[in-house]
């Protein structure tokens, strides 16, 4: 059920579109409002493939964190830009592998906060917490009691930044991701995805629809996305389109050009 602004006690800003709620609408969710739906319809009119691209991004996140839990043995996760919960959530995936896993979710949208408190609940053996903070202010994340009390920084942490940095200009995006990774110990991982303009013209029309609604969107080429991983050890196959990273049955057969997001996973030496 969609949160009632009067009951949550926060201003959900339902009069303007928000990227998390547009994402929710395009993927068939119900936690959105008329401005979000209008913006989503404009984006879909510009490029109907945006729905497939968003789905493939979600599937990448699931595969990436499962890989980190199963293959890399990571038991601590910092997910920045969580968005409105959509099953399976990150903690559902990693705690299915290792129930003791700890997850810190971070977002700054009040509707996400309202859902997170109700739905992002941990296994008995592990822990999930939510930080109300903005990626562009990494110190507010790193200094939060939820972060410091939940994550043991003597052990590796996986930083998950999925479909977030396209909403941040270069001069900020590279710096904030680096600041977060600098705080994490050796053996930690970065999992990141972001929109690209390399694949066809449709994504440019979809991005233009976002911009018309006052939402900044950056479409980065492959080299610009690889820059986020400089100094880290990329997991094979490196930076690829989301559906090409360790593909499973949900990714196989996706037509080339229907995923307009690059993604990668890398280890901090």
Protein backbone atom coordinates (compact mmCIF):
# COMPACT_ATOMS: atom_id res chain seq x y z
CA UNK A 1 0.00 0.00 0.00
CA UNK A 2 1.26 3.46 -0.89
CA UNK A 3 2.28 5.48 2.19
CA UNK A 4 -0.10 8.22 3.32
CA UNK A 5 1.84 11.51 3.65
CA UNK A 6 -0.20 12.45 6.72
CA UNK A 7 0.66 9.17 8.44
CA UNK A 8 4.35 9.19 7.58
CA UNK A 9 4.82 12.72 8.86
CA UNK A 10 7.16 13.61 5.98
CA UNK A 11 6.76 15.61 2.79
CA UNK A 12 6.72 13.08 -0.04
CA UNK A 13 6.80 15.87 -2.67
CA UNK A 14 4.10 14.15 -4.67
CA UNK A 15 3.75 17.25 -6.84
CA UNK A 16 7.03 16.67 -8.67
CA UNK A 17 8.43 13.54 -10.36
CA UNK A 18 11.16 11.58 -8.58
CA UNK A 19 13.53 9.15 -10.28
CA UNK A 20 12.84 6.31 -7.81
CA UNK A 21 9.10 6.59 -8.29
CA UNK A 22 9.41 6.84 -12.09
CA UNK A 23 11.47 3.64 -11.96
CA UNK A 24 8.76 2.04 -9.82
CA UNK A 25 6.05 3.07 -12.29
CA UNK A 26 7.86 1.86 -15.40
CA UNK A 27 8.49 -1.52 -13.76
CA UNK A 28 4.79 -1.87 -12.90
CA UNK A 29 4.87 -0.77 -9.27
CA UNK A 30 2.15 1.13 -7.44
CA UNK A 31 4.21 3.48 -5.29
CA UNK A 32 4.10 6.48 -7.58
CA UNK A 33 2.02 9.57 -8.22
CA UNK A 34 0.62 11.40 -11.29
CA UNK A 35 3.80 13.46 -11.97
CA UNK A 36 5.88 10.26 -11.81
CA UNK A 37 3.55 8.49 -14.21
CA UNK A 38 3.52 11.44 -16.61
CA UNK A 39 7.33 11.50 -16.65
CA UNK A 40 7.46 7.73 -17.08
CA UNK A 41 5.03 7.86 -20.00
CA UNK A 42 7.15 10.52 -21.69
CA UNK A 43 10.23 8.37 -21.26
CA UNK A 44 8.48 5.29 -22.64
CA UNK A 45 7.15 7.29 -25.58
CA UNK A 46 10.70 8.35 -26.35
CA UNK A 47 11.99 4.78 -26.12
CA UNK A 48 9.75 1.83 -25.18
CA UNK A 49 12.90 -0.22 -24.52
CA UNK A 50 13.51 1.72 -21.32
CA UNK A 51 11.38 -0.85 -19.45
CA UNK A 52 13.53 -3.76 -20.63
CA UNK A 53 16.67 -1.81 -19.80
CA UNK A 54 15.44 -1.14 -16.26
CA UNK A 55 14.50 -4.80 -15.81
CA UNK A 56 17.92 -5.93 -16.97
CA UNK A 57 19.53 -3.51 -14.54
CA UNK A 58 17.57 -5.05 -11.69
CA UNK A 59 18.56 -8.55 -12.77
CA UNK A 60 22.21 -7.46 -12.90
CA UNK A 61 22.00 -6.27 -9.30
CA UNK A 62 20.64 -9.64 -8.22
CA UNK A 63 23.38 -11.56 -10.03
CA UNK A 64 26.13 -9.23 -8.83
CA UNK A 65 25.30 -9.41 -5.14
CA UNK A 66 24.71 -13.17 -5.36
CA UNK A 67 28.17 -13.50 -6.92
CA UNK A 68 29.65 -11.39 -4.12
CA UNK A 69 27.99 -13.50 -1.44
CA UNK A 70 28.59 -16.91 -3.06
CA UNK A 71 31.92 -16.52 -4.86
CA UNK A 72 33.64 -13.68 -3.01
CA UNK A 73 32.38 -14.53 0.47
CA UNK A 74 31.19 -10.99 1.22
CA UNK A 75 28.94 -10.72 4.26
CA UNK A 76 28.54 -6.93 4.50
CA UNK A 77 26.80 -4.70 1.95
CA UNK A 78 26.34 -0.95 1.61
CA UNK A 79 23.58 -0.22 -0.91
CA UNK A 80 23.41 3.47 -1.84
CA UNK A 81 20.40 4.65 -3.80
CA UNK A 82 18.21 1.76 -2.71
CA UNK A 83 14.99 2.93 -4.33
CA UNK A 84 11.52 1.65 -3.56
CA UNK A 85 11.78 -1.97 -2.38
CA UNK A 86 11.17 -4.49 -5.17
CA UNK A 87 11.36 -8.21 -4.44
CA UNK A 88 13.82 -9.72 -4.34
CA UNK A 89 15.64 -6.96 -2.50
CA UNK A 90 19.39 -7.02 -2.03
CA UNK A 91 19.16 -8.50 1.46
CA UNK A 92 16.78 -11.20 0.23
CA UNK A 93 19.40 -12.32 -2.29
CA UNK A 94 22.47 -12.25 -0.06
CA UNK A 95 20.79 -13.61 3.07
CA UNK A 96 19.48 -16.54 1.02
CA UNK A 97 23.16 -17.37 0.48
CA UNK A 98 24.44 -16.33 3.91
CA UNK A 99 21.73 -15.52 6.50
CA UNK A 100 24.25 -13.71 8.69
CA UNK A 101 24.84 -11.02 6.06
CA UNK A 102 24.49 -7.38 7.12
CA UNK A 103 23.05 -4.74 4.82
CA UNK A 104 22.99 -0.95 5.14
CA UNK A 105 20.48 0.64 2.78
CA UNK A 106 20.81 4.33 1.89
CA UNK A 107 18.36 6.65 0.14
CA UNK A 108 16.98 10.15 0.54
CA UNK A 109 13.43 9.84 -0.77
CA UNK A 110 10.80 9.91 2.01
CA UNK A 111 8.62 7.33 0.22
CA UNK A 112 11.58 4.95 0.11
CA UNK A 113 12.16 5.55 3.82
CA UNK A 114 8.53 4.78 4.62
CA UNK A 115 8.71 1.48 2.73
CA UNK A 116 12.17 0.54 3.93
CA UNK A 117 11.20 0.65 7.56
CA UNK A 118 8.33 -1.74 6.89
CA UNK A 119 9.72 -4.07 4.23
CA UNK A 120 13.52 -4.25 4.42
CA UNK A 121 13.55 -6.67 7.31
CA UNK A 122 16.48 -8.96 8.01
CA UNK A 123 16.85 -12.64 8.65
CA UNK A 124 17.18 -13.49 12.34
CA UNK A 125 20.90 -14.19 11.91
CA UNK A 126 21.74 -11.01 9.98
CA UNK A 127 20.84 -7.36 10.09
CA UNK A 128 19.41 -4.68 7.81
CA UNK A 129 19.30 -0.95 8.60
CA UNK A 130 18.31 2.15 6.66
CA UNK A 131 20.17 5.47 6.45
CA UNK A 132 18.29 8.56 5.32
CA UNK A 133 21.11 10.27 3.42
CA UNK A 134 22.22 11.43 -0.02
CA UNK A 135 25.00 9.90 -2.12
CA UNK A 136 26.26 13.41 -2.85
CA UNK A 137 27.00 13.81 0.87
CA UNK A 138 29.07 10.69 1.59
CA UNK A 139 30.12 11.96 5.03
CA UNK A 140 26.50 11.83 6.17
CA UNK A 141 26.51 8.13 5.28
CA UNK A 142 29.90 7.31 6.77
CA UNK A 143 29.23 9.12 10.03
CA UNK A 144 25.74 7.74 10.57
CA UNK A 145 25.29 5.45 13.59
CA UNK A 146 23.53 2.94 11.34
CA UNK A 147 26.69 2.64 9.25
CA UNK A 148 29.18 2.59 12.12
CA UNK A 149 27.14 0.22 14.28
CA UNK A 150 26.31 -2.28 11.52
CA UNK A 151 29.43 -2.66 9.40
CA UNK A 152 32.76 -3.97 10.69
CA UNK A 153 35.39 -2.10 8.70
CA UNK A 154 38.06 -4.62 9.57
CA UNK A 155 36.22 -6.94 7.14
CA UNK A 156 35.40 -6.43 3.43
CA UNK A 157 32.24 -4.60 2.41
CA UNK A 158 30.50 -4.54 -0.97
CA UNK A 159 29.41 -1.07 -2.06
CA UNK A 160 26.41 -1.29 -4.39
CA UNK A 161 25.65 1.81 -6.48
CA UNK A 162 23.02 0.67 -8.94
CA UNK A 163 21.41 3.04 -11.47
CA UNK A 164 22.23 6.09 -9.35
CA UNK A 165 25.24 7.94 -10.71
CA UNK A 166 23.48 8.81 -13.97
CA UNK A 167 21.58 11.38 -11.91
CA UNK A 168 24.81 13.06 -10.73
CA UNK A 169 27.26 15.18 -12.76
CA UNK A 170 30.76 13.81 -13.35
CA UNK A 171 32.53 16.21 -11.03
CA UNK A 172 30.47 14.91 -8.11
CA UNK A 173 29.83 11.29 -9.11
CA UNK A 174 33.43 10.12 -9.36
CA UNK A 175 34.40 11.86 -6.13
CA UNK A 176 31.60 10.48 -3.97
CA UNK A 177 32.02 6.89 -5.14
CA UNK A 178 35.76 7.15 -4.52
CA UNK A 179 35.19 8.63 -1.06
CA UNK A 180 32.97 5.74 -0.04
CA UNK A 181 35.38 3.15 -1.42
CA UNK A 182 38.32 4.85 0.30
CA UNK A 183 36.63 4.23 3.64
CA UNK A 184 36.21 0.51 2.98
CA UNK A 185 39.03 -1.97 3.68
CA UNK A 186 41.13 -3.96 1.25
CA UNK A 187 39.16 -6.83 -0.22
CA UNK A 188 35.98 -4.76 -0.52
CA UNK A 189 34.06 -4.59 -3.79
CA UNK A 190 32.29 -2.00 -5.91
CA UNK A 191 29.23 -3.02 -7.92
CA UNK A 192 27.99 -0.18 -10.12
CA UNK A 193 25.66 0.38 -13.06
CA UNK A 194 24.77 3.53 -14.95
CA UNK A 195 23.06 4.64 -18.13
CA UNK A 196 24.92 4.90 -21.42
CA UNK A 197 24.23 6.65 -24.68
CA UNK A 198 26.41 4.20 -26.63
CA UNK A 199 23.51 1.94 -27.60
CA UNK A 200 21.13 3.49 -30.12
CA UNK A 201 19.19 6.74 -30.14
CA UNK A 202 16.24 5.62 -28.04
CA UNK A 203 17.94 6.15 -24.70
CA UNK A 204 18.74 9.74 -25.69
CA UNK A 205 15.04 10.41 -26.21
CA UNK A 206 14.18 8.76 -22.88
CA UNK A 207 16.83 10.83 -21.10
CA UNK A 208 15.49 13.98 -22.73
CA UNK A 209 12.06 13.18 -21.26
CA UNK A 210 13.62 13.03 -17.78
CA UNK A 211 15.39 16.34 -18.34
CA UNK A 212 12.14 17.97 -19.48
CA UNK A 213 10.79 17.10 -16.03
CA UNK A 214 13.73 18.76 -14.32
CA UNK A 215 15.67 15.54 -13.57
CA UNK A 216 19.36 15.60 -14.47
CA UNK A 217 20.54 12.55 -16.45
CA UNK A 218 24.07 11.80 -17.67
CA UNK A 219 24.60 9.22 -20.40
CA UNK A 220 28.22 8.01 -20.17
CA UNK A 221 30.26 6.09 -22.70
CA UNK A 222 32.11 2.94 -21.74
CA UNK A 223 35.37 4.72 -20.99
CA UNK A 224 33.61 7.11 -18.61
CA UNK A 225 32.01 4.19 -16.78
CA UNK A 226 35.33 2.34 -16.53
CA UNK A 227 36.73 5.42 -14.79
CA UNK A 228 34.62 4.58 -11.72
CA UNK A 229 36.64 1.37 -11.37
CA UNK A 230 40.14 2.81 -11.82
CA UNK A 231 42.57 1.35 -9.30
CA UNK A 232 40.36 -1.66 -8.61
CA UNK A 233 40.50 -5.21 -9.98
CA UNK A 234 37.58 -5.75 -12.35
CA UNK A 235 35.84 -9.11 -12.18
CA UNK A 236 35.58 -10.77 -15.61
CA UNK A 237 34.15 -9.79 -18.05
CA UNK A 238 34.88 -6.22 -16.94
CA UNK A 239 32.50 -3.37 -17.74
CA UNK A 240 29.71 -4.67 -19.98
CA UNK A 241 26.07 -4.02 -20.70
CA UNK A 242 24.01 -5.21 -17.74
CA UNK A 243 22.57 -8.23 -19.55
CA UNK A 244 26.08 -9.37 -20.56
CA UNK A 245 27.49 -9.56 -17.03
CA UNK A 246 27.37 -13.24 -15.96
CA UNK A 247 24.08 -13.71 -17.85
CA UNK A 248 21.43 -16.13 -16.68
CA UNK A 249 18.14 -17.16 -18.28
CA UNK A 250 16.64 -13.70 -17.65
CA UNK A 251 19.49 -12.03 -19.53
CA UNK A 252 20.10 -14.47 -22.36
CA UNK A 253 18.35 -13.59 -25.58
CA UNK A 254 17.85 -9.92 -24.79
CA UNK A 255 18.28 -8.14 -28.15
CA UNK A 256 21.39 -6.01 -28.47
CA UNK A 257 20.41 -2.43 -27.75
CA UNK A 258 17.58 -3.23 -25.34
CA UNK A 259 19.91 -2.67 -22.39
CA UNK A 260 21.30 0.85 -22.27
CA UNK A 261 23.28 0.54 -19.05
CA UNK A 262 26.88 -0.44 -18.39
CA UNK A 263 27.79 -2.35 -15.27
CA UNK A 264 30.75 -3.88 -13.53
CA UNK A 265 32.04 -5.39 -10.31
CA UNK A 266 35.56 -4.78 -9.02
CA UNK A 267 37.68 -5.63 -5.98
CA UNK A 268 39.66 -3.10 -4.00
CA UNK A 269 43.24 -4.41 -3.63
